[in-house]
Every structure is written in structure tokens, then in C-alpha cells.
PDB file of all heavy atoms in Angstrom:
ATOM      1  N   LEU A   1      27.182  52.123 -29.057  1.00  0.00           N
ATOM      2  CA  LEU A   1      26.771  50.869 -29.811  1.00  0.00           C
ATOM      3  C   LEU A   1      25.607  51.200 -30.803  1.00  0.00           C
ATOM      4  O   LEU A   1      25.663  50.738 -31.868  1.00  0.00           O
ATOM      5  CB  LEU A   1      26.184  49.899 -28.724  1.00  0.00           C
ATOM      6  CG  LEU A   1      27.248  49.162 -28.001  1.00  0.00           C
ATOM      7  CD1 LEU A   1      26.557  48.260 -26.920  1.00  0.00           C
ATOM      8  CD2 LEU A   1      28.097  48.284 -28.895  1.00  0.00           C
ATOM      9  N   ASP A   2      24.692  52.087 -30.384  1.00  0.00           N
ATOM     10  CA  ASP A   2      23.609  52.415 -31.283  1.00  0.00           C
ATOM     11  C   ASP A   2      24.096  53.201 -32.517  1.00  0.00           C
ATOM     12  O   ASP A   2      23.450  53.205 -33.542  1.00  0.00           O
ATOM     13  CB  ASP A   2      22.574  53.299 -30.519  1.00  0.00           C
ATOM     14  CG  ASP A   2      21.332  53.523 -31.325  1.00  0.00           C
ATOM     15  OD1 ASP A   2      20.614  52.606 -31.602  1.00  0.00           O
ATOM     16  OD2 ASP A   2      21.109  54.689 -31.758  1.00  0.00           O
ATOM     17  N   ASN A   3      25.238  53.894 -32.406  1.00  0.00           N
ATOM     18  CA  ASN A   3      25.726  54.719 -33.459  1.00  0.00           C
ATOM     19  C   ASN A   3      26.685  53.896 -34.432  1.00  0.00           C
ATOM     20  O   ASN A   3      27.116  54.364 -35.430  1.00  0.00           O
ATOM     21  CB  ASN A   3      26.542  55.869 -32.936  1.00  0.00           C
ATOM     22  CG  ASN A   3      25.648  56.857 -32.244  1.00  0.00           C
ATOM     23  OD1 ASN A   3      24.468  56.963 -32.498  1.00  0.00           O
ATOM     24  ND2 ASN A   3      26.289  57.837 -31.472  1.00  0.00           N
ATOM     25  N   HIS A   4      26.856  52.581 -34.034  1.00  0.00           N
ATOM     26  CA  HIS A   4      27.761  51.788 -34.921  1.00  0.00           C
ATOM     27  C   HIS A   4      26.991  50.559 -35.383  1.00  0.00           C
ATOM     28  O   HIS A   4      25.841  50.280 -34.927  1.00  0.00           O
ATOM     29  CB  HIS A   4      29.079  51.347 -34.143  1.00  0.00           C
ATOM     30  CG  HIS A   4      29.988  52.496 -33.904  1.00  0.00           C
ATOM     31  ND1 HIS A   4      29.730  53.442 -32.900  1.00  0.00           N
ATOM     32  CD2 HIS A   4      31.090  52.884 -34.580  1.00  0.00           C
ATOM     33  CE1 HIS A   4      30.712  54.345 -32.970  1.00  0.00           C
ATOM     34  NE2 HIS A   4      31.496  54.058 -33.897  1.00  0.00           N
ATOM     35  N   THR A   5      27.607  49.761 -36.165  1.00  0.00           N
ATOM     36  CA  THR A   5      27.009  48.549 -36.754  1.00  0.00           C
ATOM     37  C   THR A   5      27.176  47.345 -35.856  1.00  0.00           C
ATOM     38  O   THR A   5      26.767  46.258 -36.318  1.00  0.00           O
ATOM     39  CB  THR A   5      27.603  48.273 -38.083  1.00  0.00           C
ATOM     40  OG1 THR A   5      28.979  48.087 -37.887  1.00  0.00           O
ATOM     41  CG2 THR A   5      27.397  49.425 -39.084  1.00  0.00           C
ATOM     42  N   LEU A   6      27.622  47.531 -34.679  1.00  0.00           N
ATOM     43  CA  LEU A   6      27.750  46.310 -33.782  1.00  0.00           C
ATOM     44  C   LEU A   6      26.519  45.708 -33.386  1.00  0.00           C
ATOM     45  O   LEU A   6      26.433  44.481 -33.098  1.00  0.00           O
ATOM     46  CB  LEU A   6      28.516  46.782 -32.451  1.00  0.00           C
ATOM     47  CG  LEU A   6      30.044  47.015 -32.554  1.00  0.00           C
ATOM     48  CD1 LEU A   6      30.595  47.479 -31.237  1.00  0.00           C
ATOM     49  CD2 LEU A   6      30.743  45.771 -33.084  1.00  0.00           C
ATOM     50  N   VAL A   7      25.443  46.424 -33.476  1.00  0.00           N
ATOM     51  CA  VAL A   7      24.101  45.863 -33.142  1.00  0.00           C
ATOM     52  C   VAL A   7      23.667  44.736 -34.104  1.00  0.00           C
ATOM     53  O   VAL A   7      22.869  43.884 -33.766  1.00  0.00           O
ATOM     54  CB  VAL A   7      23.039  46.948 -33.085  1.00  0.00           C
ATOM     55  CG1 VAL A   7      23.249  47.954 -31.986  1.00  0.00           C
ATOM     56  CG2 VAL A   7      23.035  47.737 -34.458  1.00  0.00           C
ATOM     57  N   ASN A   8      24.212  44.785 -35.374  1.00  0.00           N
ATOM     58  CA  ASN A   8      23.888  43.761 -36.269  1.00  0.00           C
ATOM     59  C   ASN A   8      24.903  42.704 -36.360  1.00  0.00           C
ATOM     60  O   ASN A   8      24.798  41.809 -37.184  1.00  0.00           O
ATOM     61  CB  ASN A   8      23.709  44.406 -37.632  1.00  0.00           C
ATOM     62  CG  ASN A   8      22.633  45.472 -37.736  1.00  0.00           C
ATOM     63  OD1 ASN A   8      21.572  45.213 -37.153  1.00  0.00           O
ATOM     64  ND2 ASN A   8      22.939  46.540 -38.394  1.00  0.00           N
ATOM     65  N   GLU A   9      25.917  42.700 -35.486  1.00  0.00           N
ATOM     66  CA  GLU A   9      26.930  41.725 -35.467  1.00  0.00           C
ATOM     67  C   GLU A   9      26.569  40.532 -34.484  1.00  0.00           C
ATOM     68  O   GLU A   9      25.636  40.730 -33.705  1.00  0.00           O
ATOM     69  CB  GLU A   9      28.264  42.356 -34.988  1.00  0.00           C
ATOM     70  CG  GLU A   9      28.793  43.428 -35.976  1.00  0.00           C
ATOM     71  CD  GLU A   9      29.282  42.841 -37.298  1.00  0.00           C
ATOM     72  OE1 GLU A   9      29.676  41.652 -37.296  1.00  0.00           O
ATOM     73  OE2 GLU A   9      29.217  43.632 -38.299  1.00  0.00           O
ATOM     74  N   PRO A  10      27.271  39.403 -34.609  1.00  0.00           N
ATOM     75  CA  PRO A  10      27.089  38.291 -33.611  1.00  0.00           C
ATOM     76  C   PRO A  10      27.219  38.829 -32.179  1.00  0.00           C
ATOM     77  O   PRO A  10      27.962  39.798 -31.889  1.00  0.00           O
ATOM     78  CB  PRO A  10      28.130  37.275 -33.997  1.00  0.00           C
ATOM     79  CG  PRO A  10      28.472  37.580 -35.413  1.00  0.00           C
ATOM     80  CD  PRO A  10      28.275  39.027 -35.624  1.00  0.00           C
ATOM     81  N   ASP A  11      26.639  38.012 -31.259  1.00  0.00           N
ATOM     82  CA  ASP A  11      26.630  38.439 -29.876  1.00  0.00           C
ATOM     83  C   ASP A  11      28.047  38.532 -29.326  1.00  0.00           C
ATOM     84  O   ASP A  11      28.362  39.380 -28.475  1.00  0.00           O
ATOM     85  CB  ASP A  11      25.850  37.382 -29.041  1.00  0.00           C
ATOM     86  CG  ASP A  11      24.358  37.481 -29.339  1.00  0.00           C
ATOM     87  OD1 ASP A  11      23.932  38.490 -29.952  1.00  0.00           O
ATOM     88  OD2 ASP A  11      23.608  36.428 -29.025  1.00  0.00           O
ATOM     89  N   GLU A  12      28.932  37.567 -29.804  1.00  0.00           N
ATOM     90  CA  GLU A  12      30.278  37.662 -29.255  1.00  0.00           C
ATOM     91  C   GLU A  12      31.024  38.962 -29.601  1.00  0.00           C
ATOM     92  O   GLU A  12      31.720  39.550 -28.852  1.00  0.00           O
ATOM     93  CB  GLU A  12      31.121  36.496 -29.827  1.00  0.00           C
ATOM     94  CG  GLU A  12      30.665  35.071 -29.314  1.00  0.00           C
ATOM     95  CD  GLU A  12      29.408  34.592 -30.152  1.00  0.00           C
ATOM     96  OE1 GLU A  12      29.013  35.318 -31.031  1.00  0.00           O
ATOM     97  OE2 GLU A  12      28.907  33.507 -29.802  1.00  0.00           O
ATOM     98  N   THR A  13      30.718  39.414 -30.858  1.00  0.00           N
ATOM     99  CA  THR A  13      31.328  40.644 -31.305  1.00  0.00           C
ATOM    100  C   THR A  13      30.856  41.899 -30.517  1.00  0.00           C
ATOM    101  O   THR A  13      31.503  42.784 -30.180  1.00  0.00           O
ATOM    102  CB  THR A  13      31.103  40.876 -32.777  1.00  0.00           C
ATOM    103  OG1 THR A  13      31.565  39.762 -33.493  1.00  0.00           O
ATOM    104  CG2 THR A  13      31.816  42.127 -33.311  1.00  0.00           C
ATOM    105  N   VAL A  14      29.532  41.856 -30.262  1.00  0.00           N
ATOM    106  CA  VAL A  14      28.917  42.848 -29.435  1.00  0.00           C
ATOM    107  C   VAL A  14      29.468  42.939 -28.064  1.00  0.00           C
ATOM    108  O   VAL A  14      29.796  44.016 -27.522  1.00  0.00           O
ATOM    109  CB  VAL A  14      27.364  42.713 -29.439  1.00  0.00           C
ATOM    110  CG1 VAL A  14      26.726  43.737 -28.457  1.00  0.00           C
ATOM    111  CG2 VAL A  14      26.777  42.816 -30.797  1.00  0.00           C
ATOM    112  N   VAL A  15      29.546  41.771 -27.437  1.00  0.00           N
ATOM    113  CA  VAL A  15      30.166  41.690 -26.035  1.00  0.00           C
ATOM    114  C   VAL A  15      31.513  42.236 -26.094  1.00  0.00           C
ATOM    115  O   VAL A  15      31.958  43.002 -25.188  1.00  0.00           O
ATOM    116  CB  VAL A  15      30.081  40.236 -25.515  1.00  0.00           C
ATOM    117  CG1 VAL A  15      30.862  40.132 -24.198  1.00  0.00           C
ATOM    118  CG2 VAL A  15      28.684  39.779 -25.291  1.00  0.00           C
ATOM    119  N   GLU A  16      32.323  41.828 -27.057  1.00  0.00           N
ATOM    120  CA  GLU A  16      33.764  42.243 -27.141  1.00  0.00           C
ATOM    121  C   GLU A  16      33.740  43.834 -27.276  1.00  0.00           C
ATOM    122  O   GLU A  16      34.572  44.492 -26.684  1.00  0.00           O
ATOM    123  CB  GLU A  16      34.408  41.674 -28.358  1.00  0.00           C
ATOM    124  CG  GLU A  16      35.848  42.077 -28.471  1.00  0.00           C
ATOM    125  CD  GLU A  16      36.464  41.351 -29.700  1.00  0.00           C
ATOM    126  OE1 GLU A  16      35.869  40.533 -30.332  1.00  0.00           O
ATOM    127  OE2 GLU A  16      37.717  41.728 -30.005  1.00  0.00           O
ATOM    128  N   GLY A  17      32.800  44.350 -28.098  1.00  0.00           N
ATOM    129  CA  GLY A  17      32.766  45.835 -28.339  1.00  0.00           C
ATOM    130  C   GLY A  17      32.450  46.610 -27.069  1.00  0.00           C
ATOM    131  O   GLY A  17      33.012  47.599 -26.641  1.00  0.00           O
ATOM    132  N   VAL A  18      31.515  45.919 -26.296  1.00  0.00           N
ATOM    133  CA  VAL A  18      31.066  46.509 -24.983  1.00  0.00           C
ATOM    134  C   VAL A  18      32.205  46.549 -24.020  1.00  0.00           C
ATOM    135  O   VAL A  18      32.467  47.581 -23.384  1.00  0.00           O
ATOM    136  CB  VAL A  18      29.849  45.737 -24.484  1.00  0.00           C
ATOM    137  CG1 VAL A  18      29.529  46.225 -22.970  1.00  0.00           C
ATOM    138  CG2 VAL A  18      28.569  46.013 -25.332  1.00  0.00           C
ATOM    139  N   LEU A  19      32.910  45.428 -23.892  1.00  0.00           N
ATOM    140  CA  LEU A  19      33.977  45.389 -22.946  1.00  0.00           C
ATOM    141  C   LEU A  19      35.097  46.342 -23.366  1.00  0.00           C
ATOM    142  O   LEU A  19      35.740  46.950 -22.428  1.00  0.00           O
ATOM    143  CB  LEU A  19      34.501  43.935 -22.893  1.00  0.00           C
ATOM    144  CG  LEU A  19      33.577  42.870 -22.292  1.00  0.00           C
ATOM    145  CD1 LEU A  19      34.200  41.487 -22.378  1.00  0.00           C
ATOM    146  CD2 LEU A  19      33.262  43.221 -20.842  1.00  0.00           C
ATOM    147  N   LYS A  20      35.346  46.475 -24.605  1.00  0.00           N
ATOM    148  CA  LYS A  20      36.421  47.407 -25.001  1.00  0.00           C
ATOM    149  C   LYS A  20      36.142  48.834 -24.627  1.00  0.00           C
ATOM    150  O   LYS A  20      37.070  49.641 -24.384  1.00  0.00           O
ATOM    151  CB  LYS A  20      36.615  47.324 -26.524  1.00  0.00           C
ATOM    152  CG  LYS A  20      37.394  46.071 -26.956  1.00  0.00           C
ATOM    153  CD  LYS A  20      37.586  46.072 -28.490  1.00  0.00           C
ATOM    154  CE  LYS A  20      38.415  44.907 -28.935  1.00  0.00           C
ATOM    155  NZ  LYS A  20      38.575  44.927 -30.412  1.00  0.00           N
ATOM    156  N   MET A  21      34.844  49.180 -24.609  1.00  0.00           N
ATOM    157  CA  MET A  21      34.489  50.575 -24.195  1.00  0.00           C
ATOM    158  C   MET A  21      34.304  50.642 -22.661  1.00  0.00           C
ATOM    159  O   MET A  21      34.604  51.685 -22.043  1.00  0.00           O
ATOM    160  CB  MET A  21      33.225  51.070 -24.983  1.00  0.00           C
ATOM    161  CG  MET A  21      33.480  51.227 -26.430  1.00  0.00           C
ATOM    162  SD  MET A  21      32.056  51.982 -27.227  1.00  0.00           S
ATOM    163  CE  MET A  21      30.920  50.487 -27.334  1.00  0.00           C
ATOM    164  N   LEU A  22      33.644  49.678 -22.125  1.00  0.00           N
ATOM    165  CA  LEU A  22      33.273  49.745 -20.706  1.00  0.00           C
ATOM    166  C   LEU A  22      34.389  49.658 -19.748  1.00  0.00           C
ATOM    167  O   LEU A  22      34.473  50.408 -18.767  1.00  0.00           O
ATOM    168  CB  LEU A  22      32.192  48.672 -20.400  1.00  0.00           C
ATOM    169  CG  LEU A  22      31.453  48.740 -19.113  1.00  0.00           C
ATOM    170  CD1 LEU A  22      30.796  50.128 -18.924  1.00  0.00           C
ATOM    171  CD2 LEU A  22      30.440  47.637 -18.890  1.00  0.00           C
ATOM    172  N   LEU A  23      35.317  48.688 -20.016  1.00  0.00           N
ATOM    173  CA  LEU A  23      36.383  48.466 -19.068  1.00  0.00           C
ATOM    174  C   LEU A  23      37.323  49.677 -18.936  1.00  0.00           C
ATOM    175  O   LEU A  23      37.644  50.079 -17.818  1.00  0.00           O
ATOM    176  CB  LEU A  23      37.228  47.300 -19.478  1.00  0.00           C
ATOM    177  CG  LEU A  23      36.538  45.921 -19.315  1.00  0.00           C
ATOM    178  CD1 LEU A  23      37.420  44.752 -19.728  1.00  0.00           C
ATOM    179  CD2 LEU A  23      36.094  45.674 -17.879  1.00  0.00           C
ATOM    180  N   PRO A  24      37.702  50.373 -20.003  1.00  0.00           N
ATOM    181  CA  PRO A  24      38.474  51.591 -19.873  1.00  0.00           C
ATOM    182  C   PRO A  24      37.687  52.707 -19.105  1.00  0.00           C
ATOM    183  O   PRO A  24      38.380  53.444 -18.297  1.00  0.00           O
ATOM    184  CB  PRO A  24      38.694  52.066 -21.265  1.00  0.00           C
ATOM    185  CG  PRO A  24      38.643  50.833 -22.103  1.00  0.00           C
ATOM    186  CD  PRO A  24      37.541  50.008 -21.423  1.00  0.00           C
ATOM    187  N   LEU A  25      36.445  52.750 -19.231  1.00  0.00           N
ATOM    188  CA  LEU A  25      35.604  53.763 -18.523  1.00  0.00           C
ATOM    189  C   LEU A  25      35.621  53.447 -17.051  1.00  0.00           C
ATOM    190  O   LEU A  25      35.727  54.314 -16.183  1.00  0.00           O
ATOM    191  CB  LEU A  25      34.163  53.769 -19.046  1.00  0.00           C
ATOM    192  CG  LEU A  25      34.000  54.446 -20.386  1.00  0.00           C
ATOM    193  CD1 LEU A  25      32.536  54.351 -20.904  1.00  0.00           C
ATOM    194  CD2 LEU A  25      34.373  55.983 -20.328  1.00  0.00           C
ATOM    195  N   LEU A  26      35.476  52.180 -16.699  1.00  0.00           N
ATOM    196  CA  LEU A  26      35.501  51.782 -15.317  1.00  0.00           C
ATOM    197  C   LEU A  26      36.847  51.998 -14.658  1.00  0.00           C
ATOM    198  O   LEU A  26      36.971  52.439 -13.563  1.00  0.00           O
ATOM    199  CB  LEU A  26      35.101  50.367 -15.143  1.00  0.00           C
ATOM    200  CG  LEU A  26      33.658  49.897 -15.539  1.00  0.00           C
ATOM    201  CD1 LEU A  26      33.405  48.440 -15.402  1.00  0.00           C
ATOM    202  CD2 LEU A  26      32.619  50.689 -14.677  1.00  0.00           C
ATOM    203  N   LEU A  27      37.917  51.690 -15.435  1.00  0.00           N
ATOM    204  CA  LEU A  27      39.294  52.002 -14.960  1.00  0.00           C
ATOM    205  C   LEU A  27      39.453  53.575 -14.771  1.00  0.00           C
ATOM    206  O   LEU A  27      40.087  53.971 -13.791  1.00  0.00           O
ATOM    207  CB  LEU A  27      40.324  51.474 -15.969  1.00  0.00           C
ATOM    208  CG  LEU A  27      41.776  51.675 -15.566  1.00  0.00           C
ATOM    209  CD1 LEU A  27      42.087  50.889 -14.224  1.00  0.00           C
ATOM    210  CD2 LEU A  27      42.659  51.122 -16.724  1.00  0.00           C
ATOM    211  N   PHE A  28      38.892  54.288 -15.653  1.00  0.00           N
ATOM    212  CA  PHE A  28      38.973  55.812 -15.582  1.00  0.00           C
ATOM    213  C   PHE A  28      38.171  56.281 -14.316  1.00  0.00           C
ATOM    214  O   PHE A  28      38.651  57.083 -13.633  1.00  0.00           O
ATOM    215  CB  PHE A  28      38.264  56.353 -16.838  1.00  0.00           C
ATOM    216  CG  PHE A  28      38.247  57.869 -16.832  1.00  0.00           C
ATOM    217  CD1 PHE A  28      39.366  58.678 -16.810  1.00  0.00           C
ATOM    218  CD2 PHE A  28      36.981  58.482 -16.940  1.00  0.00           C
ATOM    219  CE1 PHE A  28      39.254  60.011 -16.829  1.00  0.00           C
ATOM    220  CE2 PHE A  28      36.939  59.907 -16.928  1.00  0.00           C
ATOM    221  CZ  PHE A  28      38.065  60.588 -16.872  1.00  0.00           C
ATOM    222  N   THR A  29      37.111  55.608 -14.004  1.00  0.00           N
ATOM    223  CA  THR A  29      36.315  55.917 -12.838  1.00  0.00           C
ATOM    224  C   THR A  29      37.109  55.646 -11.586  1.00  0.00           C
ATOM    225  O   THR A  29      37.143  56.508 -10.650  1.00  0.00           O
ATOM    226  CB  THR A  29      34.974  55.147 -12.804  1.00  0.00           C
ATOM    227  OG1 THR A  29      34.258  55.519 -13.956  1.00  0.00           O
ATOM    228  CG2 THR A  29      34.214  55.495 -11.536  1.00  0.00           C
ATOM    229  N   MET A  30      37.713  54.487 -11.485  1.00  0.00           N
ATOM    230  CA  MET A  30      38.433  54.130 -10.321  1.00  0.00           C
ATOM    231  C   MET A  30      39.704  55.023 -10.168  1.00  0.00           C
ATOM    232  O   MET A  30      40.120  55.452  -9.053  1.00  0.00           O
ATOM    233  CB  MET A  30      38.973  52.683 -10.487  1.00  0.00           C
ATOM    234  CG  MET A  30      37.833  51.590 -10.503  1.00  0.00           C
ATOM    235  SD  MET A  30      37.024  51.588  -8.864  1.00  0.00           S
ATOM    236  CE  MET A  30      38.334  51.062  -7.814  1.00  0.00           C
ATOM    237  N   SER A  31      40.328  55.407 -11.221  1.00  0.00           N
ATOM    238  CA  SER A  31      41.482  56.291 -11.186  1.00  0.00           C
ATOM    239  C   SER A  31      41.086  57.684 -10.688  1.00  0.00           C
ATOM    240  O   SER A  31      41.820  58.235  -9.818  1.00  0.00           O
ATOM    241  CB  SER A  31      42.155  56.434 -12.534  1.00  0.00           C
ATOM    242  OG  SER A  31      42.579  55.178 -13.014  1.00  0.00           O
ATOM    243  N   LEU A  32      39.976  58.191 -11.107  1.00  0.00           N
ATOM    244  CA  LEU A  32      39.505  59.483 -10.636  1.00  0.00           C
ATOM    245  C   LEU A  32      39.201  59.397  -9.192  1.00  0.00           C
ATOM    246  O   LEU A  32      39.534  60.335  -8.351  1.00  0.00           O
ATOM    247  CB  LEU A  32      38.264  59.846 -11.412  1.00  0.00           C
ATOM    248  CG  LEU A  32      38.450  60.374 -12.844  1.00  0.00           C
ATOM    249  CD1 LEU A  32      37.089  60.644 -13.438  1.00  0.00           C
ATOM    250  CD2 LEU A  32      39.286  61.636 -12.894  1.00  0.00           C
ATOM    251  N   PHE A  33      38.574  58.357  -8.759  1.00  0.00           N
ATOM    252  CA  PHE A  33      38.248  58.245  -7.311  1.00  0.00           C
ATOM    253  C   PHE A  33      39.493  58.149  -6.444  1.00  0.00           C
ATOM    254  O   PHE A  33      39.618  58.788  -5.395  1.00  0.00           O
ATOM    255  CB  PHE A  33      37.389  57.042  -7.031  1.00  0.00           C
ATOM    256  CG  PHE A  33      37.127  56.801  -5.588  1.00  0.00           C
ATOM    257  CD1 PHE A  33      36.164  57.608  -4.911  1.00  0.00           C
ATOM    258  CD2 PHE A  33      37.741  55.819  -4.828  1.00  0.00           C
ATOM    259  CE1 PHE A  33      35.904  57.405  -3.583  1.00  0.00           C
ATOM    260  CE2 PHE A  33      37.521  55.645  -3.487  1.00  0.00           C
ATOM    261  CZ  PHE A  33      36.555  56.487  -2.912  1.00  0.00           C
ATOM    262  N   TYR A  34      40.460  57.393  -6.922  1.00  0.00           N
ATOM    263  CA  TYR A  34      41.802  57.252  -6.153  1.00  0.00           C
ATOM    264  C   TYR A  34      42.441  58.573  -6.099  1.00  0.00           C
ATOM    265  O   TYR A  34      42.935  58.980  -5.029  1.00  0.00           O
ATOM    266  CB  TYR A  34      42.642  56.288  -6.828  1.00  0.00           C
ATOM    267  CG  TYR A  34      44.027  55.993  -6.204  1.00  0.00           C
ATOM    268  CD1 TYR A  34      44.096  55.390  -4.969  1.00  0.00           C
ATOM    269  CD2 TYR A  34      45.249  56.617  -6.676  1.00  0.00           C
ATOM    270  CE1 TYR A  34      45.327  55.164  -4.349  1.00  0.00           C
ATOM    271  CE2 TYR A  34      46.373  56.463  -6.138  1.00  0.00           C
ATOM    272  CZ  TYR A  34      46.443  55.777  -4.933  1.00  0.00           C
ATOM    273  OH  TYR A  34      47.713  55.614  -4.282  1.00  0.00           O
ATOM    274  N   PHE A  35      42.442  59.351  -7.203  1.00  0.00           N
ATOM    275  CA  PHE A  35      43.065  60.711  -7.161  1.00  0.00           C
ATOM    276  C   PHE A  35      42.350  61.574  -6.156  1.00  0.00           C
ATOM    277  O   PHE A  35      42.992  62.350  -5.396  1.00  0.00           O
ATOM    278  CB  PHE A  35      42.948  61.285  -8.603  1.00  0.00           C
ATOM    279  CG  PHE A  35      43.351  62.717  -8.670  1.00  0.00           C
ATOM    280  CD1 PHE A  35      44.616  63.163  -8.662  1.00  0.00           C
ATOM    281  CD2 PHE A  35      42.288  63.713  -8.811  1.00  0.00           C
ATOM    282  CE1 PHE A  35      44.975  64.476  -8.675  1.00  0.00           C
ATOM    283  CE2 PHE A  35      42.647  65.113  -8.790  1.00  0.00           C
ATOM    284  CZ  PHE A  35      43.943  65.470  -8.785  1.00  0.00           C
ATOM    285  N   LYS A  36      41.002  61.563  -6.160  1.00  0.00           N
ATOM    286  CA  LYS A  36      40.183  62.347  -5.253  1.00  0.00           C
ATOM    287  C   LYS A  36      40.545  61.994  -3.808  1.00  0.00           C
ATOM    288  O   LYS A  36      40.738  62.816  -2.937  1.00  0.00           O
ATOM    289  CB  LYS A  36      38.755  62.152  -5.503  1.00  0.00           C
ATOM    290  CG  LYS A  36      37.860  62.815  -4.457  1.00  0.00           C
ATOM    291  CD  LYS A  36      36.429  62.444  -4.520  1.00  0.00           C
ATOM    292  CE  LYS A  36      35.604  63.038  -3.378  1.00  0.00           C
ATOM    293  NZ  LYS A  36      34.155  62.630  -3.482  1.00  0.00           N
ATOM    294  N   HIS A  37      40.628  60.725  -3.447  1.00  0.00           N
ATOM    295  CA  HIS A  37      40.888  60.206  -2.172  1.00  0.00           C
ATOM    296  C   HIS A  37      42.273  60.747  -1.677  1.00  0.00           C
ATOM    297  O   HIS A  37      42.382  61.330  -0.542  1.00  0.00           O
ATOM    298  CB  HIS A  37      40.838  58.724  -2.092  1.00  0.00           C
ATOM    299  CG  HIS A  37      41.245  58.149  -0.758  1.00  0.00           C
ATOM    300  ND1 HIS A  37      40.382  58.220   0.306  1.00  0.00           N
ATOM    301  CD2 HIS A  37      42.356  57.517  -0.312  1.00  0.00           C
ATOM    302  CE1 HIS A  37      40.959  57.653   1.390  1.00  0.00           C
ATOM    303  NE2 HIS A  37      42.142  57.190   0.987  1.00  0.00           N
ATOM    304  N   ILE A  38      43.292  60.574  -2.528  1.00  0.00           N
ATOM    305  CA  ILE A  38      44.615  61.045  -2.112  1.00  0.00           C
ATOM    306  C   ILE A  38      44.708  62.572  -1.984  1.00  0.00           C
ATOM    307  O   ILE A  38      45.212  63.103  -1.069  1.00  0.00           O
ATOM    308  CB  ILE A  38      45.671  60.497  -3.059  1.00  0.00           C
ATOM    309  CG1 ILE A  38      45.726  59.012  -3.029  1.00  0.00           C
ATOM    310  CG2 ILE A  38      47.060  61.061  -2.701  1.00  0.00           C
ATOM    311  CD1 ILE A  38      46.042  58.386  -1.733  1.00  0.00           C
TER     312      ILE A  38
END
């Protein structure tokens, strides 16, 4: 976020950008844990 211009955008745009990056990372985290468990 700090490296892009989203910080100067409306709050809705910032939240959308955060979710677009954070949700895939959380899904990646869950997938890694499931793989480790199995």
C-alpha cells in the first residue's frame, strides 16, 4: 500500500485494495497449513 497511490484514494478504494491482497494471502496460508497437516 505504501508503495502505491492507494493511500491517496477514497477509503472504499483502499479497503478494496487491501482485501484484494490480504484475502489471497490468507487463502495461501490456509492452503499451506492444510498441506502440512495432510
